[in-house]
Amino acid sequence: TGRYNIQASFNRVGSMVGMFFADTKVCDFDGAVSCDLVMFKKFFRGMLDAGVYISPSQFESWFVSTSHTDQVINETLQKAETVLKNIK
């Protein structure tokens, strides 16, 4: 997100989402391993501390389902924004 001077790339297929800390679109394994894995680790830890359990690896997908209400999604986005704002 440009708001916090953090480069991120997202991939989505259906309800699967992948997030990569990179300044370009990630399309293959070589692209994935060149991403900022330290930044992902900080993001993962921040989300975990906020009570949001995402996949612990940048190489895994997140899944959205019908059990995720608008309220849950909005709370998750707010927590993600707080984590991104505070990552150093």
PDB file of N, CA and C in Angstrom:
ATOM      1  N   THR A   1       0.836  -1.177   0.000  1.00  0.00           N
ATOM      2  CA  THR A   1       0.000   0.000   0.000  1.00  0.00           C
ATOM      3  C   THR A   1       0.878   1.235   0.000  1.00  0.00           C
ATOM      4  N   GLY A   2       0.580   2.170  -0.819  1.00  0.00           N
ATOM      5  CA  GLY A   2       1.355   3.387  -0.933  1.00  0.00           C
ATOM      6  C   GLY A   2       1.233   4.275   0.291  1.00  0.00           C
ATOM      7  N   ARG A   3       0.200   4.111   1.045  1.00  0.00           N
ATOM      8  CA  ARG A   3      -0.050   4.979   2.198  1.00  0.00           C
ATOM      9  C   ARG A   3       1.073   4.900   3.227  1.00  0.00           C
ATOM     10  N   TYR A   4       1.658   3.731   3.408  1.00  0.00           N
ATOM     11  CA  TYR A   4       2.700   3.549   4.419  1.00  0.00           C
ATOM     12  C   TYR A   4       4.053   3.256   3.794  1.00  0.00           C
ATOM     13  N   ASN A   5       4.180   3.555   2.499  1.00  0.00           N
ATOM     14  CA  ASN A   5       5.427   3.347   1.772  1.00  0.00           C
ATOM     15  C   ASN A   5       5.874   1.884   1.819  1.00  0.00           C
ATOM     16  N   ILE A   6       4.915   0.979   1.706  1.00  0.00           N
ATOM     17  CA  ILE A   6       5.174  -0.457   1.682  1.00  0.00           C
ATOM     18  C   ILE A   6       4.676  -0.987   0.348  1.00  0.00           C
ATOM     19  N   GLN A   7       5.539  -1.678  -0.356  1.00  0.00           N
ATOM     20  CA  GLN A   7       5.173  -2.266  -1.641  1.00  0.00           C
ATOM     21  C   GLN A   7       4.582  -3.653  -1.414  1.00  0.00           C
ATOM     22  N   ALA A   8       3.411  -3.898  -1.988  1.00  0.00           N
ATOM     23  CA  ALA A   8       2.774  -5.210  -1.854  1.00  0.00           C
ATOM     24  C   ALA A   8       2.068  -5.565  -3.153  1.00  0.00           C
ATOM     25  N   SER A   9       2.028  -6.839  -3.411  1.00  0.00           N
ATOM     26  CA  SER A   9       1.373  -7.367  -4.603  1.00  0.00           C
ATOM     27  C   SER A   9       0.403  -8.459  -4.156  1.00  0.00           C
ATOM     28  N   PHE A  10      -0.777  -8.474  -4.766  1.00  0.00           N
ATOM     29  CA  PHE A  10      -1.781  -9.479  -4.416  1.00  0.00           C
ATOM     30  C   PHE A  10      -2.140 -10.290  -5.648  1.00  0.00           C
ATOM     31  N   ASN A  11      -2.330 -11.567  -5.441  1.00  0.00           N
ATOM     32  CA  ASN A  11      -2.864 -12.455  -6.476  1.00  0.00           C
ATOM     33  C   ASN A  11      -4.150 -13.055  -5.935  1.00  0.00           C
ATOM     34  N   ARG A  12      -5.125 -13.259  -6.819  1.00  0.00           N
ATOM     35  CA  ARG A  12      -6.388 -13.850  -6.385  1.00  0.00           C
ATOM     36  C   ARG A  12      -6.919 -14.769  -7.474  1.00  0.00           C
ATOM     37  N   VAL A  13      -7.405 -15.914  -7.039  1.00  0.00           N
ATOM     38  CA  VAL A  13      -8.142 -16.825  -7.904  1.00  0.00           C
ATOM     39  C   VAL A  13      -9.346 -17.273  -7.090  1.00  0.00           C
ATOM     40  N   GLY A  14     -10.536 -16.891  -7.514  1.00  0.00           N
ATOM     41  CA  GLY A  14     -11.734 -17.237  -6.749  1.00  0.00           C
ATOM     42  C   GLY A  14     -11.630 -16.686  -5.343  1.00  0.00           C
ATOM     43  N   SER A  15     -11.728 -17.560  -4.352  1.00  0.00           N
ATOM     44  CA  SER A  15     -11.678 -17.131  -2.958  1.00  0.00           C
ATOM     45  C   SER A  15     -10.283 -17.279  -2.353  1.00  0.00           C
ATOM     46  N   MET A  16      -9.285 -17.618  -3.161  1.00  0.00           N
ATOM     47  CA  MET A  16      -7.906 -17.729  -2.681  1.00  0.00           C
ATOM     48  C   MET A  16      -7.168 -16.421  -2.968  1.00  0.00           C
ATOM     49  N   VAL A  17      -6.423 -15.949  -1.960  1.00  0.00           N
ATOM     50  CA  VAL A  17      -5.686 -14.702  -2.080  1.00  0.00           C
ATOM     51  C   VAL A  17      -4.249 -14.934  -1.611  1.00  0.00           C
ATOM     52  N   GLY A  18      -3.308 -14.354  -2.324  1.00  0.00           N
ATOM     53  CA  GLY A  18      -1.917 -14.396  -1.906  1.00  0.00           C
ATOM     54  C   GLY A  18      -1.376 -12.989  -1.815  1.00  0.00           C
ATOM     55  N   MET A  19      -0.574 -12.729  -0.790  1.00  0.00           N
ATOM     56  CA  MET A  19       0.022 -11.411  -0.598  1.00  0.00           C
ATOM     57  C   MET A  19       1.533 -11.546  -0.603  1.00  0.00           C
ATOM     58  N   PHE A  20       2.177 -10.672  -1.358  1.00  0.00           N
ATOM     59  CA  PHE A  20       3.627 -10.676  -1.450  1.00  0.00           C
ATOM     60  C   PHE A  20       4.133  -9.264  -1.223  1.00  0.00           C
ATOM     61  N   PHE A  21       5.188  -9.122  -0.437  1.00  0.00           N
ATOM     62  CA  PHE A  21       5.808  -7.823  -0.264  1.00  0.00           C
ATOM     63  C   PHE A  21       6.822  -7.655  -1.381  1.00  0.00           C
ATOM     64  N   ALA A  22       6.352  -7.072  -2.475  1.00  0.00           N
ATOM     65  CA  ALA A  22       7.164  -6.884  -3.674  1.00  0.00           C
ATOM     66  C   ALA A  22       6.639  -5.676  -4.427  1.00  0.00           C
ATOM     67  N   ASP A  23       7.481  -5.103  -5.267  1.00  0.00           N
ATOM     68  CA  ASP A  23       7.050  -3.945  -6.047  1.00  0.00           C
ATOM     69  C   ASP A  23       6.575  -4.331  -7.442  1.00  0.00           C
ATOM     70  N   THR A  24       6.533  -5.638  -7.732  1.00  0.00           N
ATOM     71  CA  THR A  24       6.038  -6.125  -9.013  1.00  0.00           C
ATOM     72  C   THR A  24       5.074  -7.277  -8.774  1.00  0.00           C
ATOM     73  N   LYS A  25       4.294  -7.586  -9.784  1.00  0.00           N
ATOM     74  CA  LYS A  25       3.362  -8.714  -9.714  1.00  0.00           C
ATOM     75  C   LYS A  25       4.165 -10.011  -9.619  1.00  0.00           C
ATOM     76  N   VAL A  26       3.754 -10.896  -8.745  1.00  0.00           N
ATOM     77  CA  VAL A  26       4.423 -12.181  -8.577  1.00  0.00           C
ATOM     78  C   VAL A  26       3.664 -13.226  -9.386  1.00  0.00           C
ATOM     79  N   CYS A  27       4.369 -13.842 -10.333  1.00  0.00           N
ATOM     80  CA  CYS A  27       3.728 -14.791 -11.248  1.00  0.00           C
ATOM     81  C   CYS A  27       4.342 -16.184 -11.204  1.00  0.00           C
ATOM     82  N   ASP A  28       5.457 -16.347 -10.491  1.00  0.00           N
ATOM     83  CA  ASP A  28       6.110 -17.653 -10.467  1.00  0.00           C
ATOM     84  C   ASP A  28       6.948 -17.786  -9.195  1.00  0.00           C
ATOM     85  N   PHE A  29       7.549 -18.952  -9.041  1.00  0.00           N
ATOM     86  CA  PHE A  29       8.329 -19.232  -7.841  1.00  0.00           C
ATOM     87  C   PHE A  29       9.504 -18.269  -7.701  1.00  0.00           C
ATOM     88  N   ASP A  30      10.198 -18.004  -8.789  1.00  0.00           N
ATOM     89  CA  ASP A  30      11.335 -17.084  -8.727  1.00  0.00           C
ATOM     90  C   ASP A  30      10.907 -15.709  -8.232  1.00  0.00           C
ATOM     91  N   GLY A  31       9.756 -15.249  -8.682  1.00  0.00           N
ATOM     92  CA  GLY A  31       9.230 -13.977  -8.205  1.00  0.00           C
ATOM     93  C   GLY A  31       8.881 -14.024  -6.733  1.00  0.00           C
ATOM     94  N   ALA A  32       8.320 -15.148  -6.289  1.00  0.00           N
ATOM     95  CA  ALA A  32       7.918 -15.294  -4.888  1.00  0.00           C
ATOM     96  C   ALA A  32       9.125 -15.301  -3.947  1.00  0.00           C
ATOM     97  N   VAL A  33      10.186 -16.010  -4.342  1.00  0.00           N
ATOM     98  CA  VAL A  33      11.347 -16.080  -3.449  1.00  0.00           C
ATOM     99  C   VAL A  33      12.140 -14.782  -3.429  1.00  0.00           C
ATOM    100  N   SER A  34      11.895 -13.894  -4.393  1.00  0.00           N
ATOM    101  CA  SER A  34      12.614 -12.624  -4.401  1.00  0.00           C
ATOM    102  C   SER A  34      11.894 -11.548  -3.581  1.00  0.00           C
ATOM    103  N   CYS A  35      10.740 -11.882  -3.011  1.00  0.00           N
ATOM    104  CA  CYS A  35       9.973 -10.924  -2.208  1.00  0.00           C
ATOM    105  C   CYS A  35      10.630 -10.718  -0.844  1.00  0.00           C
ATOM    106  N   ASP A  36      10.157  -9.719  -0.140  1.00  0.00           N
ATOM    107  CA  ASP A  36      10.683  -9.387   1.177  1.00  0.00           C
ATOM    108  C   ASP A  36      10.071 -10.318   2.228  1.00  0.00           C
ATOM    109  N   LEU A  37      10.762 -11.427   2.495  1.00  0.00           N
ATOM    110  CA  LEU A  37      10.263 -12.423   3.437  1.00  0.00           C
ATOM    111  C   LEU A  37      10.305 -11.919   4.875  1.00  0.00           C
ATOM    112  N   VAL A  38      11.245 -11.053   5.188  1.00  0.00           N
ATOM    113  CA  VAL A  38      11.324 -10.465   6.533  1.00  0.00           C
ATOM    114  C   VAL A  38      10.099  -9.586   6.789  1.00  0.00           C
ATOM    115  N   MET A  39       9.709  -8.823   5.789  1.00  0.00           N
ATOM    116  CA  MET A  39       8.515  -7.979   5.928  1.00  0.00           C
ATOM    117  C   MET A  39       7.273  -8.848   6.117  1.00  0.00           C
ATOM    118  N   PHE A  40       7.173  -9.942   5.372  1.00  0.00           N
ATOM    119  CA  PHE A  40       6.023 -10.826   5.550  1.00  0.00           C
ATOM    120  C   PHE A  40       6.002 -11.387   6.967  1.00  0.00           C
ATOM    121  N   LYS A  41       7.161 -11.756   7.482  1.00  0.00           N
ATOM    122  CA  LYS A  41       7.231 -12.296   8.835  1.00  0.00           C
ATOM    123  C   LYS A  41       6.741 -11.272   9.853  1.00  0.00           C
ATOM    124  N   LYS A  42       7.133 -10.010   9.667  1.00  0.00           N
ATOM    125  CA  LYS A  42       6.672  -8.942  10.560  1.00  0.00           C
ATOM    126  C   LYS A  42       5.161  -8.753  10.442  1.00  0.00           C
ATOM    127  N   PHE A  43       4.655  -8.796   9.209  1.00  0.00           N
ATOM    128  CA  PHE A  43       3.214  -8.650   8.992  1.00  0.00           C
ATOM    129  C   PHE A  43       2.462  -9.818   9.626  1.00  0.00           C
ATOM    130  N   PHE A  44       2.950 -11.026   9.405  1.00  0.00           N
ATOM    131  CA  PHE A  44       2.310 -12.209   9.992  1.00  0.00           C
ATOM    132  C   PHE A  44       2.257 -12.080  11.500  1.00  0.00           C
ATOM    133  N   ARG A  45       3.381 -11.736  12.120  1.00  0.00           N
ATOM    134  CA  ARG A  45       3.442 -11.628  13.580  1.00  0.00           C
ATOM    135  C   ARG A  45       2.495 -10.532  14.081  1.00  0.00           C
ATOM    136  N   GLY A  46       2.444  -9.407  13.391  1.00  0.00           N
ATOM    137  CA  GLY A  46       1.541  -8.327  13.778  1.00  0.00           C
ATOM    138  C   GLY A  46       0.087  -8.733  13.689  1.00  0.00           C
ATOM    139  N   MET A  47      -0.263  -9.442  12.618  1.00  0.00           N
ATOM    140  CA  MET A  47      -1.646  -9.906  12.468  1.00  0.00           C
ATOM    141  C   MET A  47      -1.984 -10.931  13.541  1.00  0.00           C
ATOM    142  N   LEU A  48      -1.052 -11.827  13.816  1.00  0.00           N
ATOM    143  CA  LEU A  48      -1.270 -12.831  14.860  1.00  0.00           C
ATOM    144  C   LEU A  48      -1.492 -12.156  16.206  1.00  0.00           C
ATOM    145  N   ASP A  49      -0.657 -11.159  16.517  1.00  0.00           N
ATOM    146  CA  ASP A  49      -0.817 -10.414  17.773  1.00  0.00           C
ATOM    147  C   ASP A  49      -2.157  -9.682  17.830  1.00  0.00           C
ATOM    148  N   ALA A  50      -2.702  -9.310  16.659  1.00  0.00           N
ATOM    149  CA  ALA A  50      -4.000  -8.628  16.594  1.00  0.00           C
ATOM    150  C   ALA A  50      -5.175  -9.615  16.596  1.00  0.00           C
ATOM    151  N   GLY A  51      -4.863 -10.910  16.622  1.00  0.00           N
ATOM    152  CA  GLY A  51      -5.918 -11.919  16.664  1.00  0.00           C
ATOM    153  C   GLY A  51      -6.392 -12.385  15.302  1.00  0.00           C
ATOM    154  N   VAL A  52      -5.618 -12.101  14.253  1.00  0.00           N
ATOM    155  CA  VAL A  52      -5.975 -12.526  12.897  1.00  0.00           C
ATOM    156  C   VAL A  52      -4.982 -13.608  12.478  1.00  0.00           C
ATOM    157  N   TYR A  53      -5.502 -14.767  12.159  1.00  0.00           N
ATOM    158  CA  TYR A  53      -4.659 -15.909  11.834  1.00  0.00           C
ATOM    159  C   TYR A  53      -4.598 -16.099  10.329  1.00  0.00           C
ATOM    160  N   ILE A  54      -3.518 -15.582   9.706  1.00  0.00           N
ATOM    161  CA  ILE A  54      -3.298 -15.777   8.280  1.00  0.00           C
ATOM    162  C   ILE A  54      -2.292 -16.916   8.117  1.00  0.00           C
ATOM    163  N   SER A  55      -2.112 -17.365   6.905  1.00  0.00           N
ATOM    164  CA  SER A  55      -1.117 -18.400   6.641  1.00  0.00           C
ATOM    165  C   SER A  55       0.254 -17.893   7.061  1.00  0.00           C
ATOM    166  N   PRO A  56       1.052 -18.755   7.712  1.00  0.00           N
ATOM    167  CA  PRO A  56       2.335 -18.310   8.244  1.00  0.00           C
ATOM    168  C   PRO A  56       3.437 -18.169   7.209  1.00  0.00           C
ATOM    169  N   SER A  57       3.145 -18.488   5.968  1.00  0.00           N
ATOM    170  CA  SER A  57       4.153 -18.405   4.917  1.00  0.00           C
ATOM    171  C   SER A  57       3.641 -17.578   3.752  1.00  0.00           C
ATOM    172  N   GLN A  58       4.520 -16.794   3.184  1.00  0.00           N
ATOM    173  CA  GLN A  58       4.182 -16.009   2.006  1.00  0.00           C
ATOM    174  C   GLN A  58       3.849 -16.907   0.812  1.00  0.00           C
ATOM    175  N   PHE A  59       4.208 -18.169   0.894  1.00  0.00           N
ATOM    176  CA  PHE A  59       4.001 -19.116  -0.202  1.00  0.00           C
ATOM    177  C   PHE A  59       2.678 -19.867  -0.086  1.00  0.00           C
ATOM    178  N   GLU A  60       1.846 -19.487   0.858  1.00  0.00           N
ATOM    179  CA  GLU A  60       0.545 -20.114   1.047  1.00  0.00           C
ATOM    180  C   GLU A  60      -0.561 -19.099   0.763  1.00  0.00           C
ATOM    181  N   SER A  61      -1.742 -19.620   0.462  1.00  0.00           N
ATOM    182  CA  SER A  61      -2.894 -18.761   0.162  1.00  0.00           C
ATOM    183  C   SER A  61      -3.721 -18.498   1.405  1.00  0.00           C
ATOM    184  N   TRP A  62      -4.441 -17.395   1.359  1.00  0.00           N
ATOM    185  CA  TRP A  62      -5.487 -17.116   2.330  1.00  0.00           C
ATOM    186  C   TRP A  62      -6.798 -17.484   1.654  1.00  0.00           C
ATOM    187  N   PHE A  63      -7.798 -17.817   2.434  1.00  0.00           N
ATOM    188  CA  PHE A  63      -9.084 -18.204   1.879  1.00  0.00           C
ATOM    189  C   PHE A  63     -10.192 -17.365   2.500  1.00  0.00           C
ATOM    190  N   VAL A  64     -11.072 -16.868   1.666  1.00  0.00           N
ATOM    191  CA  VAL A  64     -12.253 -16.144   2.111  1.00  0.00           C
ATOM    192  C   VAL A  64     -13.446 -17.040   1.839  1.00  0.00           C
ATOM    193  N   SER A  65     -14.350 -17.124   2.799  1.00  0.00           N
ATOM    194  CA  SER A  65     -15.527 -17.976   2.613  1.00  0.00           C
ATOM    195  C   SER A  65     -16.789 -17.239   3.026  1.00  0.00           C
ATOM    196  N   THR A  66     -17.914 -17.875   2.813  1.00  0.00           N
ATOM    197  CA  THR A  66     -19.195 -17.266   3.172  1.00  0.00           C
ATOM    198  C   THR A  66     -19.358 -17.140   4.685  1.00  0.00           C
ATOM    199  N   SER A  67     -18.505 -17.800   5.450  1.00  0.00           N
ATOM    200  CA  SER A  67     -18.575 -17.639   6.905  1.00  0.00           C
ATOM    201  C   SER A  67     -17.919 -16.325   7.351  1.00  0.00           C
ATOM    202  N   HIS A  68     -17.199 -15.673   6.457  1.00  0.00           N
ATOM    203  CA  HIS A  68     -16.607 -14.370   6.756  1.00  0.00           C
ATOM    204  C   HIS A  68     -17.637 -13.282   6.448  1.00  0.00           C
ATOM    205  N   THR A  69     -18.191 -12.731   7.500  1.00  0.00           N
ATOM    206  CA  THR A  69     -19.201 -11.675   7.344  1.00  0.00           C
ATOM    207  C   THR A  69     -18.525 -10.361   6.966  1.00  0.00           C
ATOM    208  N   ASP A  70     -19.324  -9.395   6.540  1.00  0.00           N
ATOM    209  CA  ASP A  70     -18.786  -8.072   6.247  1.00  0.00           C
ATOM    210  C   ASP A  70     -18.077  -7.496   7.470  1.00  0.00           C
ATOM    211  N   GLN A  71     -18.649  -7.725   8.637  1.00  0.00           N
ATOM    212  CA  GLN A  71     -18.046  -7.218   9.872  1.00  0.00           C
ATOM    213  C   GLN A  71     -16.666  -7.837  10.096  1.00  0.00           C
ATOM    214  N   VAL A  72     -16.524  -9.141   9.902  1.00  0.00           N
ATOM    215  CA  VAL A  72     -15.241  -9.821  10.086  1.00  0.00           C
ATOM    216  C   VAL A  72     -14.222  -9.300   9.065  1.00  0.00           C
ATOM    217  N   ILE A  73     -14.644  -9.158   7.831  1.00  0.00           N
ATOM    218  CA  ILE A  73     -13.743  -8.668   6.782  1.00  0.00           C
ATOM    219  C   ILE A  73     -13.299  -7.243   7.092  1.00  0.00           C
ATOM    220  N   ASN A  74     -14.226  -6.384   7.478  1.00  0.00           N
ATOM    221  CA  ASN A  74     -13.873  -4.997   7.807  1.00  0.00           C
ATOM    222  C   ASN A  74     -12.935  -4.916   9.008  1.00  0.00           C
ATOM    223  N   GLU A  75     -13.179  -5.738  10.042  1.00  0.00           N
ATOM    224  CA  GLU A  75     -12.289  -5.757  11.208  1.00  0.00           C
ATOM    225  C   GLU A  75     -10.894  -6.234  10.806  1.00  0.00           C
ATOM    226  N   THR A  76     -10.832  -7.228   9.938  1.00  0.00           N
ATOM    227  CA  THR A  76      -9.549  -7.745   9.468  1.00  0.00           C
ATOM    228  C   THR A  76      -8.794  -6.679   8.695  1.00  0.00           C
ATOM    229  N   LEU A  77      -9.484  -5.961   7.824  1.00  0.00           N
ATOM    230  CA  LEU A  77      -8.845  -4.894   7.056  1.00  0.00           C
ATOM    231  C   LEU A  77      -8.340  -3.782   7.963  1.00  0.00           C
ATOM    232  N   GLN A  78      -9.116  -3.428   8.979  1.00  0.00           N
ATOM    233  CA  GLN A  78      -8.685  -2.392   9.929  1.00  0.00           C
ATOM    234  C   GLN A  78      -7.439  -2.831  10.687  1.00  0.00           C
ATOM    235  N   LYS A  79      -7.429  -4.099  11.107  1.00  0.00           N
ATOM    236  CA  LYS A  79      -6.260  -4.616  11.824  1.00  0.00           C
ATOM    237  C   LYS A  79      -5.044  -4.674  10.905  1.00  0.00           C
ATOM    238  N   ALA A  80      -5.242  -5.061   9.647  1.00  0.00           N
ATOM    239  CA  ALA A  80      -4.136  -5.103   8.689  1.00  0.00           C
ATOM    240  C   ALA A  80      -3.570  -3.709   8.477  1.00  0.00           C
ATOM    241  N   GLU A  81      -4.424  -2.720   8.393  1.00  0.00           N
ATOM    242  CA  GLU A  81      -3.962  -1.349   8.210  1.00  0.00           C
ATOM    243  C   GLU A  81      -3.145  -0.887   9.409  1.00  0.00           C
ATOM    244  N   THR A  82      -3.600  -1.220  10.602  1.00  0.00           N
ATOM    245  CA  THR A  82      -2.859  -0.863  11.810  1.00  0.00           C
ATOM    246  C   THR A  82      -1.494  -1.535  11.831  1.00  0.00           C
ATOM    247  N   VAL A  83      -1.453  -2.808  11.468  1.00  0.00           N
ATOM    248  CA  VAL A  83      -0.180  -3.533  11.439  1.00  0.00           C
ATOM    249  C   VAL A  83       0.755  -2.901  10.403  1.00  0.00           C
ATOM    250  N   LEU A  84       0.250  -2.633   9.210  1.00  0.00           N
ATOM    251  CA  LEU A  84       1.095  -2.044   8.166  1.00  0.00           C
ATOM    252  C   LEU A  84       1.611  -0.673   8.587  1.00  0.00           C
ATOM    253  N   LYS A  85       0.768   0.090   9.269  1.00  0.00           N
ATOM    254  CA  LYS A  85       1.172   1.434   9.720  1.00  0.00           C
ATOM    255  C   LYS A  85       2.308   1.352  10.726  1.00  0.00           C
ATOM    256  N   ASN A  86       2.342   0.274  11.520  1.00  0.00           N
ATOM    257  CA  ASN A  86       3.313   0.176  12.600  1.00  0.00           C
ATOM    258  C   ASN A  86       4.533  -0.687  12.279  1.00  0.00           C
ATOM    259  N   ILE A  87       4.569  -1.292  11.103  1.00  0.00           N
ATOM    260  CA  ILE A  87       5.737  -2.100  10.728  1.00  0.00           C
ATOM    261  C   ILE A  87       6.925  -1.175  10.521  1.00  0.00           C
ATOM    262  N   LYS A  88       8.044  -1.600  11.055  1.00  0.00           N
ATOM    263  CA  LYS A  88       9.276  -0.815  10.898  1.00  0.00           C
ATOM    264  C   LYS A  88      10.346  -1.666  10.272  1.00  0.00           C
TER     265      LYS A  88
END
